[in-house]
Protein backbone atom coordinates (compact mmCIF):
# COMPACT_ATOMS: atom_id res chain seq x y z
CA MET A 1 -9.90 21.14 -18.20
CA ARG A 2 -6.81 19.15 -19.06
CA VAL A 3 -6.74 17.22 -22.34
CA ILE A 4 -5.15 13.78 -22.09
CA CYS A 5 -4.52 11.89 -25.33
CA ALA A 6 -3.75 8.20 -25.64
CA SER A 7 -0.92 7.52 -28.07
CA PRO A 8 1.32 4.51 -28.72
CA THR A 9 4.25 6.93 -29.08
CA ALA A 10 3.80 8.46 -25.61
CA THR A 11 6.42 7.75 -22.98
CA ASP A 12 4.35 8.10 -19.79
CA ALA A 13 2.16 5.16 -18.76
CA VAL A 14 -1.46 5.97 -18.09
CA TRP A 15 -1.15 5.05 -14.39
CA ASP A 16 1.82 7.44 -14.00
CA THR A 17 -0.30 10.39 -15.17
CA ARG A 18 -2.73 12.32 -12.97
CA LEU A 19 -6.27 11.75 -14.25
CA THR A 20 -8.10 13.47 -11.40
CA GLY A 21 -10.00 16.72 -11.68
CA ALA A 22 -11.50 17.95 -14.92
CA VAL A 23 -9.98 15.95 -17.77
CA ALA A 24 -10.97 15.13 -21.32
CA LEU A 25 -9.70 11.73 -22.41
CA VAL A 26 -9.07 11.55 -26.16
CA VAL A 27 -8.62 8.30 -28.09
CA GLY A 28 -8.31 7.62 -31.80
CA ALA A 29 -9.17 4.78 -34.11
CA GLU A 30 -6.83 1.80 -34.07
CA ASP A 31 -5.74 2.22 -37.69
CA GLU A 32 -5.35 6.01 -37.83
CA GLY A 33 -4.75 7.17 -34.28
CA LEU A 34 -5.18 10.82 -33.36
CA SER A 35 -4.83 13.71 -35.74
CA PRO A 36 -1.84 16.04 -35.41
CA ARG A 37 -4.28 18.75 -34.29
CA ALA A 38 -5.61 16.59 -31.44
CA LEU A 39 -2.08 15.79 -30.31
CA ALA A 40 -1.11 19.47 -30.48
CA ILE A 41 -3.82 20.55 -28.04
CA ALA A 42 -3.05 17.78 -25.55
CA ASP A 43 -1.76 18.72 -22.12
CA ALA A 44 -0.34 15.22 -21.87
CA CYS A 45 -0.13 12.03 -23.91
CA VAL A 46 -0.28 8.66 -22.22
CA LEU A 47 0.66 5.16 -23.20
CA ILE A 48 -1.27 2.02 -22.39
CA PRO A 49 1.63 -0.43 -22.03
CA GLN A 50 1.27 -3.70 -23.89
CA GLU A 51 3.37 -6.83 -24.00
CA THR A 52 5.94 -6.35 -26.75
CA GLY A 53 5.68 -8.88 -29.54
CA LYS A 54 2.28 -10.21 -28.45
CA VAL A 55 -0.02 -7.18 -28.79
CA ASP A 56 0.48 -4.34 -31.24
CA SER A 57 -2.67 -2.25 -30.77
CA LEU A 58 -5.92 -1.91 -28.88
CA ASN A 59 -9.43 -1.43 -30.17
CA VAL A 60 -10.57 2.14 -29.42
CA SER A 61 -13.31 0.94 -27.07
CA VAL A 62 -10.83 -1.16 -25.11
CA ALA A 63 -8.39 1.76 -24.89
CA ALA A 64 -11.16 4.06 -23.66
CA ALA A 65 -12.21 1.49 -21.06
CA VAL A 66 -8.64 1.24 -19.74
CA LEU A 67 -8.36 5.04 -19.49
CA LEU A 68 -11.74 5.39 -17.78
CA PHE A 69 -10.94 2.56 -15.36
CA GLU A 70 -7.66 4.23 -14.39
CA ALA A 71 -9.29 7.63 -13.97
CA ARG A 72 -11.92 6.07 -11.69
CA ARG A 73 -9.28 4.15 -9.74
CA GLN A 74 -7.33 7.33 -9.08
CA ARG A 75 -10.42 9.15 -7.91
CA THR A 76 -11.46 6.45 -5.43
CA SER A 77 -8.07 5.41 -3.99
C-alpha cells in the first residue's frame, strides 16, 4: 500500500499523482498539518492547488473530499 500525504508544501498537484491501486490518503488538521513522522513514511506528498491570495487553507474534511474525488475519478476514467 502506498501512503499519500496531503501537504501545502508539496510540489506535485493531486491530479498529477497516481492514486490508483492500494493507497492510504493521509490528511492533517488545518492548523497543525501532518506530523513529521507521518510525512516521513509517505511515499508521496500531494498539493491541492488553491488560488493564491484568496484561499490559504482547506478544512480537513474538504481536503479529504478532494483527494477521495480525485482517487475515484482516476479509477473510473
